Amino acid sequence: MARVLDCIVQNIVGDNVKKYRIERHLSQQELSDKLETYAIYVCRGSISRIERHERTVTDYELRAFAKVLDVPIEDLFEDK
């Protein structure tokens, strides 16, 4: 289901999702596959849109990102 908001930036964690994904040598598809082990179904294209701030991130998706990327959830909100 599409999530529509009236702003250009749909999330504030996209840069850090990308940073930690790359640091862990994961492709977007590999990250998507690992999220599925937590019953979070975010396709590779949606990960790309998250990293470009074009898609919102739900709280349960955020928790799974933190687990898969092995970082405290707060680190996903840190400024660079």
PDB file of N, CA and C in Angstrom:
ATOM      1  N   MET A   1       0.844  -1.162   0.000  1.00  0.00           N
ATOM      2  CA  MET A   1       0.000   0.000   0.000  1.00  0.00           C
ATOM      3  C   MET A   1       0.896   1.233   0.000  1.00  0.00           C
ATOM      4  N   ALA A   2       0.611   2.188  -0.868  1.00  0.00           N
ATOM      5  CA  ALA A   2       1.402   3.412  -0.949  1.00  0.00           C
ATOM      6  C   ALA A   2       1.086   4.322   0.218  1.00  0.00           C
ATOM      7  N   ARG A   3       2.133   5.005   0.680  1.00  0.00           N
ATOM      8  CA  ARG A   3       1.976   6.004   1.737  1.00  0.00           C
ATOM      9  C   ARG A   3       2.231   7.355   1.108  1.00  0.00           C
ATOM     10  N   VAL A   4       1.288   8.274   1.217  1.00  0.00           N
ATOM     11  CA  VAL A   4       1.419   9.563   0.565  1.00  0.00           C
ATOM     12  C   VAL A   4       1.424  10.666   1.613  1.00  0.00           C
ATOM     13  N   LEU A   5       2.452  11.516   1.559  1.00  0.00           N
ATOM     14  CA  LEU A   5       2.555  12.668   2.442  1.00  0.00           C
ATOM     15  C   LEU A   5       2.747  13.914   1.593  1.00  0.00           C
ATOM     16  N   ASP A   6       2.459  15.077   2.165  1.00  0.00           N
ATOM     17  CA  ASP A   6       2.584  16.333   1.435  1.00  0.00           C
ATOM     18  C   ASP A   6       3.960  16.970   1.606  1.00  0.00           C
ATOM     19  N   CYS A   7       5.010  16.194   1.564  1.00  0.00           N
ATOM     20  CA  CYS A   7       6.349  16.771   1.641  1.00  0.00           C
ATOM     21  C   CYS A   7       7.282  15.973   0.742  1.00  0.00           C
ATOM     22  N   ILE A   8       8.373  16.594   0.393  1.00  0.00           N
ATOM     23  CA  ILE A   8       9.325  15.948  -0.508  1.00  0.00           C
ATOM     24  C   ILE A   8      10.124  14.880   0.229  1.00  0.00           C
ATOM     25  N   VAL A   9      10.602  15.195   1.421  1.00  0.00           N
ATOM     26  CA  VAL A   9      11.394  14.249   2.214  1.00  0.00           C
ATOM     27  C   VAL A   9      10.438  13.377   3.022  1.00  0.00           C
ATOM     28  N   GLN A  10      10.465  12.075   2.748  1.00  0.00           N
ATOM     29  CA  GLN A  10       9.529  11.153   3.377  1.00  0.00           C
ATOM     30  C   GLN A  10      10.076  10.480   4.638  1.00  0.00           C
ATOM     31  N   ASN A  11      11.401  10.580   4.864  1.00  0.00           N
ATOM     32  CA  ASN A  11      11.994   9.994   6.070  1.00  0.00           C
ATOM     33  C   ASN A  11      13.295  10.713   6.388  1.00  0.00           C
ATOM     34  N   ILE A  12      13.789  10.513   7.602  1.00  0.00           N
ATOM     35  CA  ILE A  12      15.065  11.127   7.983  1.00  0.00           C
ATOM     36  C   ILE A  12      16.146  10.083   8.230  1.00  0.00           C
ATOM     37  N   VAL A  13      15.875   8.832   7.938  1.00  0.00           N
ATOM     38  CA  VAL A  13      16.837   7.771   8.211  1.00  0.00           C
ATOM     39  C   VAL A  13      17.508   7.222   6.955  1.00  0.00           C
ATOM     40  N   GLY A  14      17.078   7.646   5.805  1.00  0.00           N
ATOM     41  CA  GLY A  14      17.562   7.073   4.549  1.00  0.00           C
ATOM     42  C   GLY A  14      19.067   7.106   4.375  1.00  0.00           C
ATOM     43  N   ASP A  15      19.688   8.249   4.705  1.00  0.00           N
ATOM     44  CA  ASP A  15      21.146   8.345   4.552  1.00  0.00           C
ATOM     45  C   ASP A  15      21.862   7.333   5.426  1.00  0.00           C
ATOM     46  N   ASN A  16      21.390   7.162   6.660  1.00  0.00           N
ATOM     47  CA  ASN A  16      22.058   6.226   7.568  1.00  0.00           C
ATOM     48  C   ASN A  16      21.768   4.772   7.210  1.00  0.00           C
ATOM     49  N   VAL A  17      20.591   4.485   6.706  1.00  0.00           N
ATOM     50  CA  VAL A  17      20.313   3.120   6.224  1.00  0.00           C
ATOM     51  C   VAL A  17      21.328   2.782   5.135  1.00  0.00           C
ATOM     52  N   LYS A  18      21.511   3.705   4.202  1.00  0.00           N
ATOM     53  CA  LYS A  18      22.469   3.473   3.111  1.00  0.00           C
ATOM     54  C   LYS A  18      23.891   3.352   3.643  1.00  0.00           C
ATOM     55  N   LYS A  19      24.285   4.255   4.546  1.00  0.00           N
ATOM     56  CA  LYS A  19      25.648   4.241   5.107  1.00  0.00           C
ATOM     57  C   LYS A  19      25.943   2.903   5.775  1.00  0.00           C
ATOM     58  N   TYR A  20      25.055   2.456   6.656  1.00  0.00           N
ATOM     59  CA  TYR A  20      25.303   1.200   7.370  1.00  0.00           C
ATOM     60  C   TYR A  20      25.200  -0.007   6.441  1.00  0.00           C
ATOM     61  N   ARG A  21      24.322   0.054   5.455  1.00  0.00           N
ATOM     62  CA  ARG A  21      24.218  -1.039   4.488  1.00  0.00           C
ATOM     63  C   ARG A  21      25.538  -1.198   3.737  1.00  0.00           C
ATOM     64  N   ILE A  22      26.079  -0.101   3.279  1.00  0.00           N
ATOM     65  CA  ILE A  22      27.339  -0.144   2.532  1.00  0.00           C
ATOM     66  C   ILE A  22      28.488  -0.581   3.433  1.00  0.00           C
ATOM     67  N   GLU A  23      28.531  -0.071   4.670  1.00  0.00           N
ATOM     68  CA  GLU A  23      29.584  -0.478   5.612  1.00  0.00           C
ATOM     69  C   GLU A  23      29.566  -1.981   5.855  1.00  0.00           C
ATOM     70  N   ARG A  24      28.401  -2.579   5.778  1.00  0.00           N
ATOM     71  CA  ARG A  24      28.275  -4.016   6.017  1.00  0.00           C
ATOM     72  C   ARG A  24      28.349  -4.825   4.727  1.00  0.00           C
ATOM     73  N   HIS A  25      28.680  -4.155   3.646  1.00  0.00           N
ATOM     74  CA  HIS A  25      28.866  -4.797   2.339  1.00  0.00           C
ATOM     75  C   HIS A  25      27.615  -5.543   1.889  1.00  0.00           C
ATOM     76  N   LEU A  26      26.461  -4.925   2.114  1.00  0.00           N
ATOM     77  CA  LEU A  26      25.190  -5.515   1.697  1.00  0.00           C
ATOM     78  C   LEU A  26      24.654  -4.765   0.484  1.00  0.00           C
ATOM     79  N   SER A  27      24.169  -5.502  -0.476  1.00  0.00           N
ATOM     80  CA  SER A  27      23.441  -4.874  -1.579  1.00  0.00           C
ATOM     81  C   SER A  27      22.030  -4.555  -1.078  1.00  0.00           C
ATOM     82  N   GLN A  28      21.320  -3.764  -1.833  1.00  0.00           N
ATOM     83  CA  GLN A  28      19.934  -3.491  -1.454  1.00  0.00           C
ATOM     84  C   GLN A  28      19.123  -4.779  -1.442  1.00  0.00           C
ATOM     85  N   GLN A  29      19.385  -5.672  -2.385  1.00  0.00           N
ATOM     86  CA  GLN A  29      18.657  -6.945  -2.419  1.00  0.00           C
ATOM     87  C   GLN A  29      18.992  -7.801  -1.206  1.00  0.00           C
ATOM     88  N   GLU A  30      20.256  -7.831  -0.808  1.00  0.00           N
ATOM     89  CA  GLU A  30      20.643  -8.613   0.371  1.00  0.00           C
ATOM     90  C   GLU A  30      19.989  -8.047   1.628  1.00  0.00           C
ATOM     91  N   LEU A  31      19.915  -6.726   1.738  1.00  0.00           N
ATOM     92  CA  LEU A  31      19.233  -6.123   2.879  1.00  0.00           C
ATOM     93  C   LEU A  31      17.762  -6.502   2.867  1.00  0.00           C
ATOM     94  N   SER A  32      17.141  -6.452   1.707  1.00  0.00           N
ATOM     95  CA  SER A  32      15.740  -6.849   1.574  1.00  0.00           C
ATOM     96  C   SER A  32      15.544  -8.295   2.030  1.00  0.00           C
ATOM     97  N   ASP A  33      16.431  -9.169   1.597  1.00  0.00           N
ATOM     98  CA  ASP A  33      16.334 -10.591   1.969  1.00  0.00           C
ATOM     99  C   ASP A  33      16.468 -10.778   3.478  1.00  0.00           C
ATOM    100  N   LYS A  34      17.394 -10.046   4.110  1.00  0.00           N
ATOM    101  CA  LYS A  34      17.584 -10.162   5.558  1.00  0.00           C
ATOM    102  C   LYS A  34      16.381  -9.614   6.329  1.00  0.00           C
ATOM    103  N   LEU A  35      15.763  -8.571   5.815  1.00  0.00           N
ATOM    104  CA  LEU A  35      14.567  -8.027   6.465  1.00  0.00           C
ATOM    105  C   LEU A  35      13.440  -9.058   6.483  1.00  0.00           C
ATOM    106  N   GLU A  36      13.384  -9.882   5.447  1.00  0.00           N
ATOM    107  CA  GLU A  36      12.341 -10.915   5.378  1.00  0.00           C
ATOM    108  C   GLU A  36      12.447 -11.903   6.527  1.00  0.00           C
ATOM    109  N   THR A  37      13.629 -12.100   7.087  1.00  0.00           N
ATOM    110  CA  THR A  37      13.766 -13.022   8.217  1.00  0.00           C
ATOM    111  C   THR A  37      13.058 -12.474   9.456  1.00  0.00           C
ATOM    112  N   TYR A  38      12.729 -11.182   9.443  1.00  0.00           N
ATOM    113  CA  TYR A  38      11.953 -10.554  10.526  1.00  0.00           C
ATOM    114  C   TYR A  38      10.517 -10.294  10.084  1.00  0.00           C
ATOM    115  N   ALA A  39      10.106 -10.945   9.002  1.00  0.00           N
ATOM    116  CA  ALA A  39       8.762 -10.799   8.443  1.00  0.00           C
ATOM    117  C   ALA A  39       8.484  -9.357   8.008  1.00  0.00           C
ATOM    118  N   ILE A  40       9.528  -8.683   7.539  1.00  0.00           N
ATOM    119  CA  ILE A  40       9.404  -7.338   6.993  1.00  0.00           C
ATOM    120  C   ILE A  40       9.676  -7.458   5.500  1.00  0.00           C
ATOM    121  N   TYR A  41       8.678  -7.157   4.707  1.00  0.00           N
ATOM    122  CA  TYR A  41       8.780  -7.341   3.265  1.00  0.00           C
ATOM    123  C   TYR A  41       8.921  -5.978   2.585  1.00  0.00           C
ATOM    124  N   VAL A  42      10.182  -5.589   2.392  1.00  0.00           N
ATOM    125  CA  VAL A  42      10.529  -4.340   1.724  1.00  0.00           C
ATOM    126  C   VAL A  42      11.377  -4.739   0.523  1.00  0.00           C
ATOM    127  N   CYS A  43      10.860  -4.530  -0.670  1.00  0.00           N
ATOM    128  CA  CYS A  43      11.580  -4.947  -1.870  1.00  0.00           C
ATOM    129  C   CYS A  43      12.801  -4.060  -2.103  1.00  0.00           C
ATOM    130  N   ARG A  44      13.674  -4.496  -2.990  1.00  0.00           N
ATOM    131  CA  ARG A  44      14.889  -3.748  -3.299  1.00  0.00           C
ATOM    132  C   ARG A  44      14.567  -2.333  -3.760  1.00  0.00           C
ATOM    133  N   GLY A  45      13.545  -2.192  -4.580  1.00  0.00           N
ATOM    134  CA  GLY A  45      13.150  -0.876  -5.063  1.00  0.00           C
ATOM    135  C   GLY A  45      12.699   0.045  -3.944  1.00  0.00           C
ATOM    136  N   SER A  46      12.011  -0.511  -2.964  1.00  0.00           N
ATOM    137  CA  SER A  46      11.577   0.294  -1.817  1.00  0.00           C
ATOM    138  C   SER A  46      12.763   0.714  -0.961  1.00  0.00           C
ATOM    139  N   ILE A  47      13.761  -0.153  -0.838  1.00  0.00           N
ATOM    140  CA  ILE A  47      14.972   0.237  -0.106  1.00  0.00           C
ATOM    141  C   ILE A  47      15.647   1.399  -0.826  1.00  0.00           C
ATOM    142  N   SER A  48      15.698   1.325  -2.134  1.00  0.00           N
ATOM    143  CA  SER A  48      16.266   2.426  -2.912  1.00  0.00           C
ATOM    144  C   SER A  48      15.505   3.721  -2.645  1.00  0.00           C
ATOM    145  N   ARG A  49      14.177   3.650  -2.629  1.00  0.00           N
ATOM    146  CA  ARG A  49      13.361   4.847  -2.375  1.00  0.00           C
ATOM    147  C   ARG A  49      13.545   5.351  -0.941  1.00  0.00           C
ATOM    148  N   ILE A  50      13.712   4.453   0.016  1.00  0.00           N
ATOM    149  CA  ILE A  50      13.988   4.866   1.402  1.00  0.00           C
ATOM    150  C   ILE A  50      15.306   5.618   1.446  1.00  0.00           C
ATOM    151  N   GLU A  51      16.321   5.070   0.800  1.00  0.00           N
ATOM    152  CA  GLU A  51      17.636   5.710   0.815  1.00  0.00           C
ATOM    153  C   GLU A  51      17.626   7.065   0.116  1.00  0.00           C
ATOM    154  N   ARG A  52      16.707   7.262  -0.806  1.00  0.00           N
ATOM    155  CA  ARG A  52      16.563   8.557  -1.496  1.00  0.00           C
ATOM    156  C   ARG A  52      15.527   9.454  -0.820  1.00  0.00           C
ATOM    157  N   HIS A  53      15.023   9.029   0.345  1.00  0.00           N
ATOM    158  CA  HIS A  53      14.030   9.786   1.131  1.00  0.00           C
ATOM    159  C   HIS A  53      12.698   9.933   0.400  1.00  0.00           C
ATOM    160  N   GLU A  54      12.372   9.002  -0.462  1.00  0.00           N
ATOM    161  CA  GLU A  54      11.145   9.061  -1.248  1.00  0.00           C
ATOM    162  C   GLU A  54      10.053   8.138  -0.710  1.00  0.00           C
ATOM    163  N   ARG A  55      10.333   7.414   0.357  1.00  0.00           N
ATOM    164  CA  ARG A  55       9.369   6.484   0.947  1.00  0.00           C
ATOM    165  C   ARG A  55       9.443   6.593   2.460  1.00  0.00           C
ATOM    166  N   THR A  56       8.290   6.541   3.090  1.00  0.00           N
ATOM    167  CA  THR A  56       8.258   6.554   4.547  1.00  0.00           C
ATOM    168  C   THR A  56       8.763   5.217   5.092  1.00  0.00           C
ATOM    169  N   VAL A  57       9.120   5.223   6.358  1.00  0.00           N
ATOM    170  CA  VAL A  57       9.569   4.015   7.043  1.00  0.00           C
ATOM    171  C   VAL A  57       8.699   3.854   8.282  1.00  0.00           C
ATOM    172  N   THR A  58       8.059   2.712   8.402  1.00  0.00           N
ATOM    173  CA  THR A  58       7.213   2.471   9.571  1.00  0.00           C
ATOM    174  C   THR A  58       8.081   2.131  10.782  1.00  0.00           C
ATOM    175  N   ASP A  59       7.476   2.203  11.949  1.00  0.00           N
ATOM    176  CA  ASP A  59       8.230   1.905  13.168  1.00  0.00           C
ATOM    177  C   ASP A  59       8.719   0.462  13.191  1.00  0.00           C
ATOM    178  N   TYR A  60       7.916  -0.483  12.755  1.00  0.00           N
ATOM    179  CA  TYR A  60       8.362  -1.879  12.780  1.00  0.00           C
ATOM    180  C   TYR A  60       9.416  -2.143  11.711  1.00  0.00           C
ATOM    181  N   GLU A  61       9.366  -1.422  10.576  1.00  0.00           N
ATOM    182  CA  GLU A  61      10.435  -1.536   9.584  1.00  0.00           C
ATOM    183  C   GLU A  61      11.730  -0.967  10.147  1.00  0.00           C
ATOM    184  N   LEU A  62      11.628   0.161  10.831  1.00  0.00           N
ATOM    185  CA  LEU A  62      12.795   0.803  11.416  1.00  0.00           C
ATOM    186  C   LEU A  62      13.485  -0.126  12.420  1.00  0.00           C
ATOM    187  N   ARG A  63      12.686  -0.785  13.254  1.00  0.00           N
ATOM    188  CA  ARG A  63      13.246  -1.722  14.226  1.00  0.00           C
ATOM    189  C   ARG A  63      13.979  -2.857  13.512  1.00  0.00           C
ATOM    190  N   ALA A  64      13.416  -3.365  12.432  1.00  0.00           N
ATOM    191  CA  ALA A  64      14.061  -4.451  11.687  1.00  0.00           C
ATOM    192  C   ALA A  64      15.339  -3.960  11.005  1.00  0.00           C
ATOM    193  N   PHE A  65      15.320  -2.747  10.454  1.00  0.00           N
ATOM    194  CA  PHE A  65      16.544  -2.193   9.871  1.00  0.00           C
ATOM    195  C   PHE A  65      17.658  -2.169  10.916  1.00  0.00           C
ATOM    196  N   ALA A  66      17.345  -1.689  12.110  1.00  0.00           N
ATOM    197  CA  ALA A  66      18.348  -1.611  13.171  1.00  0.00           C
ATOM    198  C   ALA A  66      18.884  -3.000  13.515  1.00  0.00           C
ATOM    199  N   LYS A  67      18.009  -3.991  13.588  1.00  0.00           N
ATOM    200  CA  LYS A  67      18.448  -5.355  13.910  1.00  0.00           C
ATOM    201  C   LYS A  67      19.331  -5.924  12.804  1.00  0.00           C
ATOM    202  N   VAL A  68      18.887  -5.798  11.562  1.00  0.00           N
ATOM    203  CA  VAL A  68      19.644  -6.356  10.437  1.00  0.00           C
ATOM    204  C   VAL A  68      20.992  -5.648  10.283  1.00  0.00           C
ATOM    205  N   LEU A  69      20.994  -4.338  10.459  1.00  0.00           N
ATOM    206  CA  LEU A  69      22.233  -3.576  10.306  1.00  0.00           C
ATOM    207  C   LEU A  69      23.089  -3.583  11.570  1.00  0.00           C
ATOM    208  N   ASP A  70      22.549  -4.184  12.638  1.00  0.00           N
ATOM    209  CA  ASP A  70      23.256  -4.349  13.905  1.00  0.00           C
ATOM    210  C   ASP A  70      23.721  -3.009  14.475  1.00  0.00           C
ATOM    211  N   VAL A  71      22.771  -2.072  14.561  1.00  0.00           N
ATOM    212  CA  VAL A  71      23.028  -0.762  15.157  1.00  0.00           C
ATOM    213  C   VAL A  71      21.877  -0.422  16.094  1.00  0.00           C
ATOM    214  N   PRO A  72      22.147   0.386  17.112  1.00  0.00           N
ATOM    215  CA  PRO A  72      21.035   0.866  17.934  1.00  0.00           C
ATOM    216  C   PRO A  72      20.090   1.697  17.058  1.00  0.00           C
ATOM    217  N   ILE A  73      18.822   1.590  17.295  1.00  0.00           N
ATOM    218  CA  ILE A  73      17.839   2.293  16.475  1.00  0.00           C
ATOM    219  C   ILE A  73      18.116   3.797  16.448  1.00  0.00           C
ATOM    220  N   GLU A  74      18.647   4.328  17.542  1.00  0.00           N
ATOM    221  CA  GLU A  74      18.949   5.756  17.615  1.00  0.00           C
ATOM    222  C   GLU A  74      19.986   6.169  16.582  1.00  0.00           C
ATOM    223  N   ASP A  75      20.903   5.260  16.246  1.00  0.00           N
ATOM    224  CA  ASP A  75      21.942   5.588  15.273  1.00  0.00           C
ATOM    225  C   ASP A  75      21.378   5.850  13.883  1.00  0.00           C
ATOM    226  N   LEU A  76      20.217   5.311  13.595  1.00  0.00           N
ATOM    227  CA  LEU A  76      19.606   5.556  12.295  1.00  0.00           C
ATOM    228  C   LEU A  76      19.097   6.995  12.178  1.00  0.00           C
ATOM    229  N   PHE A  77      18.940   7.667  13.322  1.00  0.00           N
ATOM    230  CA  PHE A  77      18.463   9.052  13.333  1.00  0.00           C
ATOM    231  C   PHE A  77      19.594  10.073  13.419  1.00  0.00           C
ATOM    232  N   GLU A  78      20.826   9.632  13.623  1.00  0.00           N
ATOM    233  CA  GLU A  78      21.964  10.540  13.813  1.00  0.00           C
ATOM    234  C   GLU A  78      22.244  11.334  12.545  1.00  0.00           C
ATOM    235  N   ASP A  79      22.628  12.608  12.746  1.00  0.00           N
ATOM    236  CA  ASP A  79      23.108  13.416  11.627  1.00  0.00           C
ATOM    237  C   ASP A  79      24.503  12.949  11.262  1.00  0.00           C
ATOM    238  N   LYS A  80      24.836  13.126  10.023  1.00  0.00           N
ATOM    239  CA  LYS A  80      26.160  12.718   9.564  1.00  0.00           C
ATOM    240  C   LYS A  80      27.239  13.570  10.157  1.00  0.00           C
TER     241      LYS A  80
END
